[in-house]
């Protein structure tokens, strides 16, 4: 058990191209989709994080290697019981219009994201803050939230209980400040290019939907002198082959992901550009457990999971280092030894025999086929996996309709429950098992399949209130075992990060969260 202690933050954490002319030091980055918004309270994707994480900075931020370092807060103290954090904001923290970033901006932002009217799908990440869950549920007033400005440069956050990963959470975009003076003036239009004010290393210049987003260096950023780039241009490109072709043509400098079928060719022809590394993420299929869907029957869910040949998907279809997943929490999560699907050690013949039996018990088979819609967001890899899974389900008498849509539409639809089975992926926002298991708690917006098990929720609640890290991990492992026994989701493989990075760039460092802020990147002279 690690004892909460008084700590100083700096010691604790520091260890269409022709559309307009590009500036001399311009980074051209292919992100994996069109952002739904650039408002930190209106997003939920890694592709959006690539942009918003350049435009904003939280109390805590990420170094080039992913380690947490001081951001807007230059230092902080933590109470002996680990529930009260007092942050000292840096004197030179300013918004891009020159207005000081104050403690009140953080109070305003936390209250806004937890306001039920904001409908922020990621608000639950802030539930460790005192009264946050009650405020989001509309059961408490926002002024009861455990965050207060002691003065312009001093912020106090009080938690419900000691939370080991809280400082990591503060680097996430859910905890970014938003400019109170601009939001109050323009409302939800505040994040449009003509209005947006931000506090990160870059500020928004232009956004042409489905084409490009342009950001330029923010002269009011506290570390502006050490930012090498003048401009970053983000190109939303969902089709990975298109991104690869533009990278090869020299039109972009970084491609976030590349098509797995090109891996061997890339290793032979562009070895200095290929960056593959372990990644804190799980690729899975969500089952819709709502009434009226065949996948609300746990026998159907188990049968579908049994029939998926994960080793074929990782070894033959992808082949870039992914590992088959018989768990929901990835194996590299800190201080956690999780559970595994019970059939993991069965051979494929035994799995299929069990799957056919379960489908028969549920009333389905070749003579009474089960019709399912399998949804995935547009990507060649997602399509290949979906086709393979549909073929693996066919011997069970399952007829699959494949349906794809662009990423923002896909996730918006499945959050509304408009699916039977849906492709999903989760990249850890912080290195803790809770970040993955929380996706299966009742009432969480990113619990796409609406899985509900009171025993699971009770274990997670007990884990949240447990100070002993070993005991906490055991409770979460027990919760994961329940969810796996229920076949709440269908885990398929553990991610690796796959990027193409121009050898002319400096400052790109592989890290398990695959976070690469543009403030650290430059061009090799």
Protein backbone atom coordinates (compact mmCIF):
# COMPACT_ATOMS: atom_id res chain seq x y z
CA UNK A 1 0.00 0.00 0.00
CA UNK A 2 1.41 3.38 -0.95
CA UNK A 3 0.62 6.00 1.64
CA UNK A 4 -0.81 9.36 0.43
CA UNK A 5 1.67 12.09 1.16
CA UNK A 6 2.45 15.76 0.72
CA UNK A 7 3.94 16.13 -2.74
CA UNK A 8 5.23 18.85 -5.03
CA UNK A 9 4.03 18.29 -8.59
CA UNK A 10 7.24 19.07 -10.43
CA UNK A 11 9.08 16.50 -8.33
CA UNK A 12 6.28 13.95 -8.42
CA UNK A 13 5.75 13.72 -12.18
CA UNK A 14 8.76 15.09 -13.96
CA UNK A 15 11.11 12.28 -14.76
CA UNK A 16 -6.36 19.75 -49.88
CA UNK A 17 -2.60 20.88 -49.59
CA UNK A 18 -2.83 23.65 -52.17
CA UNK A 19 -5.72 25.34 -50.40
CA UNK A 20 -3.38 27.79 -48.67
CA UNK A 21 0.39 28.28 -48.41
CA UNK A 22 2.13 26.29 -45.69
CA UNK A 23 4.58 27.92 -43.34
CA UNK A 24 8.23 26.88 -43.35
CA UNK A 25 8.03 24.65 -40.27
CA UNK A 26 4.65 23.05 -40.89
CA UNK A 27 3.82 19.59 -39.61
CA UNK A 28 1.29 17.76 -41.79
CA UNK A 29 -0.53 15.10 -39.81
CA UNK A 30 -3.07 12.55 -41.05
CA UNK A 31 -5.53 11.85 -38.25
CA UNK A 32 -7.98 8.94 -38.33
CA UNK A 33 -11.24 10.78 -38.83
CA UNK A 34 -13.18 14.03 -38.83
CA UNK A 35 -13.53 15.43 -35.30
CA UNK A 36 -17.08 15.72 -34.03
CA UNK A 37 -15.99 18.96 -32.36
CA UNK A 38 -12.93 20.76 -31.03
CA UNK A 39 -14.71 21.54 -27.76
CA UNK A 40 -13.02 19.32 -25.12
CA UNK A 41 -16.44 18.61 -23.62
CA UNK A 42 -17.95 17.37 -26.89
CA UNK A 43 -15.46 14.72 -28.00
CA UNK A 44 -14.49 11.15 -27.15
CA UNK A 45 -12.00 9.93 -29.78
CA UNK A 46 -8.24 9.47 -30.06
CA UNK A 47 -8.27 11.27 -33.43
CA UNK A 48 -9.89 14.29 -31.77
CA UNK A 49 -7.33 14.12 -28.97
CA UNK A 50 -4.56 14.60 -31.55
CA UNK A 51 -5.95 18.05 -32.32
CA UNK A 52 -7.49 19.16 -29.03
CA UNK A 53 -4.37 18.07 -27.10
CA UNK A 54 -2.34 20.53 -29.19
CA UNK A 55 -4.83 23.37 -28.68
CA UNK A 56 -5.27 23.00 -24.91
CA UNK A 57 -3.27 22.16 -21.82
CA UNK A 58 -4.52 20.87 -18.47
CA UNK A 59 -3.16 21.23 -14.97
CA UNK A 60 -0.97 18.25 -15.82
CA UNK A 61 0.28 17.39 -19.32
CA UNK A 62 2.32 14.79 -21.21
CA UNK A 63 6.03 14.84 -21.98
CA UNK A 64 7.28 13.50 -25.31
CA UNK A 65 7.64 10.02 -23.80
CA UNK A 66 4.13 10.11 -22.31
CA UNK A 67 5.21 10.74 -18.73
CA UNK A 68 3.04 13.20 -16.82
CA UNK A 69 4.63 16.59 -16.15
CA UNK A 70 3.35 19.94 -14.83
CA UNK A 71 1.14 21.85 -17.26
CA UNK A 72 -0.84 24.94 -16.25
CA UNK A 73 -0.08 23.99 -12.65
CA UNK A 74 3.57 24.54 -11.83
CA UNK A 75 3.26 22.61 -8.54
CA UNK A 76 0.73 21.07 -6.18
CA UNK A 77 0.29 19.58 -2.75
CA UNK A 78 -1.72 16.52 -1.76
CA UNK A 79 -3.29 16.01 1.65
CA UNK A 80 -2.17 13.13 3.84
CA UNK A 81 -5.36 11.18 3.11
CA UNK A 82 -5.00 11.71 -0.64
CA UNK A 83 -8.34 13.47 -1.09
CA UNK A 84 -7.41 17.16 -1.37
CA UNK A 85 -5.18 18.56 -4.13
CA UNK A 86 -4.08 22.18 -4.05
CA UNK A 87 -2.62 23.47 -7.32
CA UNK A 88 -0.49 26.55 -7.85
CA UNK A 89 -1.00 27.85 -11.38
CA UNK A 90 1.95 29.29 -13.26
CA UNK A 91 2.03 33.10 -13.48
CA UNK A 92 2.58 33.06 -17.26
CA UNK A 93 -0.44 30.86 -18.11
CA UNK A 94 -2.47 32.78 -20.71
CA UNK A 95 -5.20 32.16 -23.25
CA UNK A 96 -4.33 32.73 -26.89
CA UNK A 97 -5.98 36.18 -26.71
CA UNK A 98 -3.61 37.20 -23.91
CA UNK A 99 -6.16 36.84 -21.11
CA UNK A 100 -4.74 35.10 -18.01
CA UNK A 101 -5.77 31.49 -17.39
CA UNK A 102 -7.19 31.53 -13.88
CA UNK A 103 -8.34 28.98 -11.33
CA UNK A 104 -11.88 30.12 -12.06
CA UNK A 105 -11.52 28.90 -15.67
CA UNK A 106 -10.99 25.38 -14.31
CA UNK A 107 -13.94 25.69 -11.93
CA UNK A 108 -16.09 26.87 -14.85
CA UNK A 109 -14.88 24.02 -17.08
CA UNK A 110 -15.47 21.27 -14.50
CA UNK A 111 -18.96 22.57 -13.78
CA UNK A 112 -19.73 22.82 -17.49
CA UNK A 113 -18.63 19.28 -18.43
CA UNK A 114 -20.58 17.86 -15.47
CA UNK A 115 -23.70 19.87 -16.26
CA UNK A 116 -26.31 17.34 -17.53
CA UNK A 117 -27.26 19.85 -20.24
CA UNK A 118 -23.77 19.58 -21.76
CA UNK A 119 -24.35 15.85 -22.31
CA UNK A 120 -20.62 15.11 -22.22
CA UNK A 121 -20.15 11.39 -22.88
CA UNK A 122 -16.82 11.42 -21.04
CA UNK A 123 -18.00 13.29 -17.93
CA UNK A 124 -17.77 10.13 -15.84
CA UNK A 125 -13.95 10.32 -15.94
CA UNK A 126 -14.29 13.13 -13.41
CA UNK A 127 -16.44 11.14 -10.98
CA UNK A 128 -13.56 10.90 -8.48
CA UNK A 129 -14.20 14.63 -7.78
CA UNK A 130 -16.47 15.15 -4.79
CA UNK A 131 -20.17 15.28 -5.79
CA UNK A 132 -19.31 14.97 -9.50
CA UNK A 133 -21.58 12.00 -10.12
CA UNK A 134 -24.46 13.61 -8.22
CA UNK A 135 -24.06 16.85 -10.16
CA UNK A 136 -24.02 15.00 -13.50
CA UNK A 137 -27.14 13.07 -12.48
CA UNK A 138 -28.92 16.34 -11.67
CA UNK A 139 -29.12 15.41 -8.00
CA UNK A 140 -26.84 18.18 -6.70
CA UNK A 141 -26.11 21.79 -7.61
CA UNK A 142 -22.90 22.57 -9.46
CA UNK A 143 -21.64 24.75 -6.63
CA UNK A 144 -21.38 21.61 -4.46
CA UNK A 145 -18.75 20.18 -6.81
CA UNK A 146 -15.40 19.59 -5.10
CA UNK A 147 -13.47 22.27 -6.97
CA UNK A 148 -12.89 25.84 -5.86
CA UNK A 149 -10.70 28.80 -6.75
CA UNK A 150 -8.91 29.99 -3.61
CA UNK A 151 -7.59 32.91 -5.62
CA UNK A 152 -6.74 33.56 -9.29
CA UNK A 153 -3.68 31.28 -9.19
CA UNK A 154 -4.68 28.69 -6.59
CA UNK A 155 -7.10 25.84 -7.24
CA UNK A 156 -8.32 23.23 -4.79
CA UNK A 157 -9.89 19.93 -5.87
CA UNK A 158 -11.47 17.63 -3.30
CA UNK A 159 -12.11 13.99 -4.15
CA UNK A 160 -14.71 11.54 -2.91
CA UNK A 161 -11.88 9.25 -1.89
CA UNK A 162 -8.19 8.79 -2.55
CA UNK A 163 -7.76 7.99 -6.26
CA UNK A 164 -4.33 6.64 -7.30
CA UNK A 165 -4.69 7.64 -10.96
CA UNK A 166 -6.16 11.13 -10.46
CA UNK A 167 -3.08 13.07 -11.55
CA UNK A 168 -2.94 10.99 -14.73
CA UNK A 169 -6.59 11.86 -15.36
CA UNK A 170 -5.86 15.57 -15.15
CA UNK A 171 -3.82 15.34 -18.37
CA UNK A 172 -6.92 14.10 -20.22
CA UNK A 173 -9.01 16.54 -22.24
CA UNK A 174 -11.99 16.13 -19.92
CA UNK A 175 -9.97 18.10 -17.36
CA UNK A 176 -8.84 20.88 -19.71
CA UNK A 177 -9.86 24.44 -18.88
CA UNK A 178 -12.14 26.30 -21.26
CA UNK A 179 -12.13 30.11 -21.57
CA UNK A 180 -15.03 31.28 -19.43
CA UNK A 181 -15.06 34.74 -20.99
CA UNK A 182 -15.42 33.31 -24.52
CA UNK A 183 -17.87 30.50 -23.76
CA UNK A 184 -20.16 32.92 -21.93
CA UNK A 185 -20.07 35.26 -24.93
CA UNK A 186 -20.63 32.74 -27.75
CA UNK A 187 -22.19 29.68 -26.09
CA UNK A 188 -21.66 26.44 -28.01
CA UNK A 189 -20.29 28.44 -30.96
CA UNK A 190 -17.23 29.39 -28.92
CA UNK A 191 -15.13 26.60 -30.53
CA UNK A 192 -15.69 27.80 -34.10
CA UNK A 193 -12.47 29.05 -35.74
CA UNK A 194 -13.58 32.70 -35.68
CA UNK A 195 -14.20 32.54 -31.90
CA UNK A 196 -11.98 29.86 -30.40
CA UNK A 197 -9.49 30.83 -27.74
CA UNK A 198 -7.23 28.11 -26.32
CA UNK A 199 -4.26 27.79 -23.96
CA UNK A 200 -2.10 25.12 -25.60
CA UNK A 201 1.01 25.30 -27.72
CA UNK A 202 -1.12 25.95 -30.82
CA UNK A 203 -4.28 27.90 -31.62
CA UNK A 204 -6.94 27.22 -34.21
CA UNK A 205 -6.58 29.07 -37.50
CA UNK A 206 -9.08 27.34 -39.80
CA UNK A 207 -11.25 24.23 -40.08
CA UNK A 208 -12.54 23.02 -43.42
CA UNK A 209 -14.84 20.10 -42.74
CA UNK A 210 -13.60 16.73 -44.01
CA UNK A 211 -10.58 18.46 -45.55
CA UNK A 212 -8.13 20.05 -43.10
CA UNK A 213 -7.72 21.74 -39.75
CA UNK A 214 -5.02 24.39 -39.41
CA UNK A 215 -3.40 25.47 -36.16
CA UNK A 216 -0.56 27.94 -35.68
CA UNK A 217 1.86 28.43 -32.82
CA UNK A 218 0.31 30.22 -29.87
CA UNK A 219 2.56 33.17 -28.92
CA UNK A 220 0.93 33.34 -25.48
CA UNK A 221 1.79 29.73 -24.58
CA UNK A 222 4.07 29.67 -21.55
CA UNK A 223 6.68 27.55 -23.37
CA UNK A 224 6.23 29.12 -26.83
CA UNK A 225 9.96 29.79 -27.26
CA UNK A 226 10.69 26.06 -27.14
CA UNK A 227 7.98 25.07 -29.65
CA UNK A 228 9.78 24.36 -32.91
CA UNK A 229 6.82 24.25 -35.28
CA UNK A 230 5.09 27.29 -36.74
CA UNK A 231 2.00 25.40 -37.86
CA UNK A 232 0.26 22.03 -37.73
CA UNK A 233 -2.18 20.94 -40.44
CA UNK A 234 -4.40 17.96 -39.60
CA UNK A 235 -5.92 15.96 -42.46
CA UNK A 236 -8.87 13.72 -41.49
CA UNK A 237 -8.24 10.55 -43.51
CA UNK A 238 -10.18 7.47 -42.45
CA UNK A 239 -8.96 5.28 -45.30
CA UNK A 240 -5.49 4.12 -44.26
CA UNK A 241 -4.35 3.30 -47.79
CA UNK A 242 -5.08 6.89 -48.79
CA UNK A 243 -3.01 8.15 -45.87
CA UNK A 244 -0.17 5.81 -46.85
CA UNK A 245 -0.22 7.00 -50.46
CA UNK A 246 -0.09 10.64 -49.36
CA UNK A 247 2.77 9.84 -46.98
CA UNK A 248 4.70 8.17 -49.80
CA UNK A 249 4.05 11.19 -52.01
CA UNK A 250 5.53 13.48 -49.36
CA UNK A 251 2.23 15.25 -48.76
CA UNK A 252 2.05 14.36 -45.05
CA UNK A 253 4.72 13.87 -42.40
CA UNK A 254 2.88 11.60 -39.96
CA UNK A 255 0.16 9.04 -40.68
CA UNK A 256 -1.70 7.86 -37.60
CA UNK A 257 -1.99 4.13 -38.37
CA UNK A 258 -1.17 2.39 -41.60
CA UNK A 259 -2.89 -0.55 -43.34
CA UNK A 260 -1.74 -3.84 -41.87
CA UNK A 261 -1.61 -5.51 -45.29
CA UNK A 262 1.20 -3.11 -46.23
CA UNK A 263 3.35 -3.91 -43.19
CA UNK A 264 5.84 -6.21 -44.96
CA UNK A 265 6.20 -3.80 -47.88
CA UNK A 266 6.74 -0.89 -45.50
CA UNK A 267 9.41 -2.76 -43.56
CA UNK A 268 11.24 -3.46 -46.81
CA UNK A 269 10.83 -0.05 -48.42
CA UNK A 270 10.29 2.53 -45.63
CA UNK A 271 11.89 0.92 -42.57
CA UNK A 272 12.96 4.25 -41.07
CA UNK A 273 9.38 5.53 -41.14
CA UNK A 274 7.60 2.54 -39.57
CA UNK A 275 6.87 2.92 -35.86
CA UNK A 276 5.18 -0.08 -34.18
CA UNK A 277 5.02 -0.23 -30.38
CA UNK A 278 3.01 -1.78 -27.52
CA UNK A 279 -0.23 0.09 -26.94
CA UNK A 280 -2.61 0.40 -24.02
CA UNK A 281 -5.72 -0.62 -25.93
CA UNK A 282 -8.27 -3.34 -26.65
CA UNK A 283 -10.10 -4.07 -29.93
CA UNK A 284 -13.48 -5.60 -29.24
CA UNK A 285 -17.04 -6.07 -30.43
CA UNK A 286 -19.84 -4.64 -28.33
CA UNK A 287 -22.98 -6.74 -27.89
CA UNK A 288 -26.29 -4.92 -27.64
CA UNK A 289 -27.81 -6.38 -24.44
CA UNK A 290 -30.97 -4.28 -24.63
CA UNK A 291 -34.32 -6.07 -24.82
CA UNK A 292 -35.38 -6.94 -28.34
CA UNK A 293 -31.89 -7.86 -29.54
CA UNK A 294 -30.82 -11.48 -29.92
CA UNK A 295 -27.54 -10.54 -28.26
CA UNK A 296 -29.41 -9.83 -25.02
CA UNK A 297 -29.26 -13.64 -24.58
CA UNK A 298 -25.95 -14.56 -22.86
CA UNK A 299 -25.99 -17.94 -24.64
CA UNK A 300 -25.87 -16.18 -28.01
CA UNK A 301 -23.09 -13.87 -26.85
CA UNK A 302 -21.01 -16.79 -25.59
CA UNK A 303 -21.52 -18.76 -28.79
CA UNK A 304 -20.47 -15.83 -30.96
CA UNK A 305 -17.36 -15.29 -28.83
CA UNK A 306 -16.45 -19.00 -28.92
CA UNK A 307 -16.57 -19.07 -32.72
CA UNK A 308 -14.16 -16.17 -33.27
CA UNK A 309 -10.67 -17.45 -34.10
CA UNK A 310 -8.61 -14.65 -32.62
CA UNK A 311 -5.26 -16.16 -33.58
CA UNK A 312 -6.30 -16.19 -37.24
CA UNK A 313 -7.25 -12.52 -37.06
CA UNK A 314 -3.99 -11.43 -35.41
CA UNK A 315 -1.65 -13.78 -37.27
CA UNK A 316 -3.10 -13.99 -40.78
CA UNK A 317 -5.33 -10.98 -41.27
CA UNK A 318 -3.39 -8.30 -39.39
CA UNK A 319 0.12 -9.57 -38.73
CA UNK A 320 1.63 -6.46 -37.18
CA UNK A 321 2.21 -7.73 -33.65
CA UNK A 322 -1.32 -7.70 -32.23
CA UNK A 323 -2.01 -10.34 -29.57
CA UNK A 324 -5.24 -12.38 -29.27
CA UNK A 325 -7.38 -11.10 -26.39
CA UNK A 326 -9.25 -13.36 -23.98
CA UNK A 327 -9.57 -10.52 -21.49
CA UNK A 328 -10.99 -7.02 -21.48
CA UNK A 329 -8.23 -5.22 -19.60
CA UNK A 330 -4.96 -5.30 -21.60
CA UNK A 331 -2.02 -7.13 -20.00
CA UNK A 332 0.28 -4.11 -19.69
CA UNK A 333 -1.96 -2.19 -17.30
CA UNK A 334 -0.09 -1.19 -14.15
CA UNK A 335 -0.64 -3.02 -10.86
CA UNK A 336 -3.24 -5.43 -12.17
CA UNK A 337 -3.49 -9.15 -12.85
CA UNK A 338 -6.84 -9.65 -14.54
CA UNK A 339 -9.19 -12.45 -15.51
CA UNK A 340 -9.48 -14.47 -18.72
CA UNK A 341 -12.30 -16.10 -20.70
CA UNK A 342 -12.80 -19.64 -19.44
CA UNK A 343 -12.60 -21.19 -22.91
CA UNK A 344 -9.18 -19.68 -23.68
CA UNK A 345 -7.45 -23.07 -23.35
CA UNK A 346 -9.99 -25.05 -25.39
CA UNK A 347 -9.10 -26.11 -28.92
CA UNK A 348 -11.17 -24.76 -31.79
CA UNK A 349 -13.15 -27.96 -32.30
CA UNK A 350 -14.29 -27.97 -28.67
CA UNK A 351 -15.17 -24.29 -28.87
CA UNK A 352 -17.32 -24.80 -31.96
CA UNK A 353 -19.09 -27.79 -30.43
CA UNK A 354 -19.96 -25.71 -27.37
CA UNK A 355 -21.02 -22.77 -29.56
CA UNK A 356 -23.41 -24.91 -31.64
CA UNK A 357 -24.95 -26.33 -28.48
CA UNK A 358 -25.53 -22.85 -27.05
CA UNK A 359 -27.08 -21.57 -30.27
CA UNK A 360 -29.38 -24.58 -30.39
CA UNK A 361 -30.46 -23.92 -26.79
CA UNK A 362 -31.18 -20.31 -27.78
CA UNK A 363 -33.35 -21.52 -30.67
CA UNK A 364 -30.97 -20.80 -33.55
CA UNK A 365 -29.11 -22.92 -36.09
CA UNK A 366 -28.80 -23.60 -39.83
CA UNK A 367 -32.55 -24.34 -40.05
CA UNK A 368 -33.45 -21.23 -38.08
CA UNK A 369 -30.67 -18.75 -38.87
CA UNK A 370 -29.94 -15.82 -36.61
CA UNK A 371 -29.81 -12.57 -38.55
CA UNK A 372 -27.45 -9.97 -37.12
CA UNK A 373 -26.20 -6.59 -38.23
CA UNK A 374 -22.49 -6.09 -37.59
CA UNK A 375 -21.50 -2.44 -37.68
CA UNK A 376 -17.98 -1.06 -38.05
CA UNK A 377 -16.44 2.31 -38.78
CA UNK A 378 -14.84 2.84 -42.18
CA UNK A 379 -11.40 1.23 -42.37
CA UNK A 380 -9.95 -1.51 -44.52
CA UNK A 381 -8.72 -3.38 -41.44
CA UNK A 382 -12.10 -3.15 -39.71
CA UNK A 383 -13.75 -4.41 -42.90
CA UNK A 384 -11.39 -7.38 -43.16
CA UNK A 385 -11.93 -8.33 -39.53
CA UNK A 386 -15.71 -8.02 -39.92
CA UNK A 387 -15.72 -10.22 -43.04
CA UNK A 388 -13.61 -12.83 -41.26
CA UNK A 389 -15.82 -12.83 -38.17
CA UNK A 390 -18.96 -13.14 -40.30
CA UNK A 391 -17.42 -16.23 -41.97
CA UNK A 392 -16.51 -17.68 -38.57
CA UNK A 393 -20.11 -17.27 -37.41
CA UNK A 394 -21.62 -18.85 -40.53
CA UNK A 395 -21.26 -22.49 -39.29
CA UNK A 396 -23.46 -21.49 -36.34
CA UNK A 397 -26.27 -20.53 -38.70
CA UNK A 398 -25.66 -16.81 -38.32
CA UNK A 399 -26.39 -14.56 -41.27
CA UNK A 400 -24.54 -11.28 -40.98
CA UNK A 401 -25.33 -7.96 -42.58
CA UNK A 402 -22.21 -5.78 -42.62
CA UNK A 403 -22.78 -2.05 -42.22
CA UNK A 404 -20.09 0.61 -42.16
CA UNK A 405 -20.12 4.35 -41.57
CA UNK A 406 -17.58 7.08 -40.92
CA UNK A 407 -16.21 7.12 -37.41
CA UNK A 408 -18.17 9.98 -35.84
CA UNK A 409 -21.48 8.64 -37.18
CA UNK A 410 -20.59 5.10 -36.13
CA UNK A 411 -19.99 5.97 -32.49
CA UNK A 412 -22.95 8.34 -32.33
CA UNK A 413 -25.22 5.57 -33.59
CA UNK A 414 -23.97 2.82 -31.32
CA UNK A 415 -24.22 5.10 -28.27
CA UNK A 416 -27.90 5.35 -29.14
CA UNK A 417 -28.15 1.55 -29.22
CA UNK A 418 -28.67 1.31 -32.98
CA UNK A 419 -26.85 -2.00 -33.55
CA UNK A 420 -26.74 -5.73 -32.79
CA UNK A 421 -22.97 -6.17 -32.75
CA UNK A 422 -20.58 -3.26 -33.25
CA UNK A 423 -16.87 -2.83 -33.63
CA UNK A 424 -15.33 -0.78 -30.83
CA UNK A 425 -11.91 -0.02 -29.49
CA UNK A 426 -10.67 1.51 -26.28
CA UNK A 427 -7.34 3.20 -25.72
CA UNK A 428 -6.50 3.83 -22.09
CA UNK A 429 -6.91 7.43 -20.99
CA UNK A 430 -4.67 6.59 -18.05
CA UNK A 431 -2.77 3.48 -17.05
CA UNK A 432 -5.27 1.85 -14.70
CA UNK A 433 -7.67 -1.10 -15.02
CA UNK A 434 -10.54 1.08 -13.86
CA UNK A 435 -10.38 3.04 -17.12
CA UNK A 436 -11.30 -0.09 -19.07
CA UNK A 437 -13.71 -1.73 -16.65
CA UNK A 438 -15.67 1.48 -16.17
CA UNK A 439 -16.91 0.98 -19.76
CA UNK A 440 -19.10 -1.84 -18.45
CA UNK A 441 -20.63 0.02 -15.52
CA UNK A 442 -24.33 0.81 -15.67
CA UNK A 443 -25.22 4.28 -16.91
CA UNK A 444 -21.85 5.03 -18.52
CA UNK A 445 -22.23 6.66 -21.96
CA UNK A 446 -19.44 4.58 -23.50
CA UNK A 447 -21.07 1.34 -22.31
CA UNK A 448 -22.32 0.92 -25.87
CA UNK A 449 -24.15 -2.36 -25.32
CA UNK A 450 -25.88 -1.19 -22.10
CA UNK A 451 -24.45 -4.12 -20.16
CA UNK A 452 -25.92 -4.06 -16.65
CA UNK A 453 -24.88 -6.25 -13.74
CA UNK A 454 -25.45 -4.88 -10.20
CA UNK A 455 -22.83 -7.26 -8.80
CA UNK A 456 -20.26 -5.88 -11.25
CA UNK A 457 -21.14 -2.29 -10.32
CA UNK A 458 -20.95 -3.12 -6.62
CA UNK A 459 -17.45 -4.60 -6.99
CA UNK A 460 -16.28 -1.56 -8.93
CA UNK A 461 -17.72 0.72 -6.27
CA UNK A 462 -15.93 -1.22 -3.55
CA UNK A 463 -12.69 -1.04 -5.54
CA UNK A 464 -13.07 2.73 -5.84
CA UNK A 465 -13.24 3.01 -2.06
CA UNK A 466 -10.30 0.69 -1.36
CA UNK A 467 -6.97 2.32 -0.48
CA UNK A 468 -4.87 -0.86 -0.54
CA UNK A 469 -3.76 -1.20 -4.16
CA UNK A 470 -3.49 -5.00 -4.00
CA UNK A 471 -7.00 -5.37 -2.55
CA UNK A 472 -8.30 -2.87 -5.07
CA UNK A 473 -6.81 -4.86 -7.96
CA UNK A 474 -8.35 -8.08 -6.65
CA UNK A 475 -11.81 -6.49 -6.56
CA UNK A 476 -11.46 -5.23 -10.12
CA UNK A 477 -10.23 -8.64 -11.30
CA UNK A 478 -13.32 -10.20 -9.71
CA UNK A 479 -15.46 -7.65 -11.56
CA UNK A 480 -13.72 -8.46 -14.84
CA UNK A 481 -14.36 -12.18 -14.20
CA UNK A 482 -18.10 -11.47 -13.83
CA UNK A 483 -18.21 -9.49 -17.07
CA UNK A 484 -16.28 -12.15 -18.98
CA UNK A 485 -18.53 -14.89 -17.63
CA UNK A 486 -21.50 -12.81 -18.84
CA UNK A 487 -19.76 -12.30 -22.20
CA UNK A 488 -20.59 -8.62 -21.85
CA UNK A 489 -18.32 -7.89 -24.82
CA UNK A 490 -16.32 -9.90 -27.35
CA UNK A 491 -12.61 -9.06 -26.93
CA UNK A 492 -10.62 -9.76 -30.09
CA UNK A 493 -7.07 -8.45 -29.77
CA UNK A 494 -4.69 -6.18 -27.89
CA UNK A 495 -3.61 -3.20 -29.94
CA UNK A 496 -0.19 -2.14 -31.03
CA UNK A 497 0.30 1.44 -32.18
CA UNK A 498 1.13 1.75 -35.88
CA UNK A 499 2.41 5.03 -37.21
CA UNK A 500 4.34 6.31 -40.18
CA UNK A 501 6.72 9.08 -39.12
CA UNK A 502 8.98 10.94 -41.51
CA UNK A 503 12.66 10.39 -40.68
CA UNK A 504 13.10 14.15 -41.03
CA UNK A 505 11.21 14.68 -37.74
CA UNK A 506 12.62 14.85 -34.24
CA UNK A 507 10.83 14.58 -30.90
CA UNK A 508 8.56 11.63 -31.68
CA UNK A 509 8.99 9.08 -28.87
CA UNK A 510 7.08 5.79 -28.67
CA UNK A 511 4.95 5.39 -25.55
CA UNK A 512 2.29 2.97 -24.41
CA UNK A 513 -0.49 5.54 -24.71
CA UNK A 514 0.64 6.65 -28.20
CA UNK A 515 0.29 10.32 -27.25
CA UNK A 516 2.49 12.66 -29.27
CA UNK A 517 1.95 16.36 -28.69
CA UNK A 518 3.15 18.54 -31.53
CA UNK A 519 4.90 20.93 -29.12
CA UNK A 520 7.73 18.39 -28.81
CA UNK A 521 8.15 17.74 -32.55
CA UNK A 522 10.46 19.52 -34.97
CA UNK A 523 12.32 19.00 -38.21
CA UNK A 524 15.87 17.69 -38.28
CA UNK A 525 18.15 20.37 -39.65
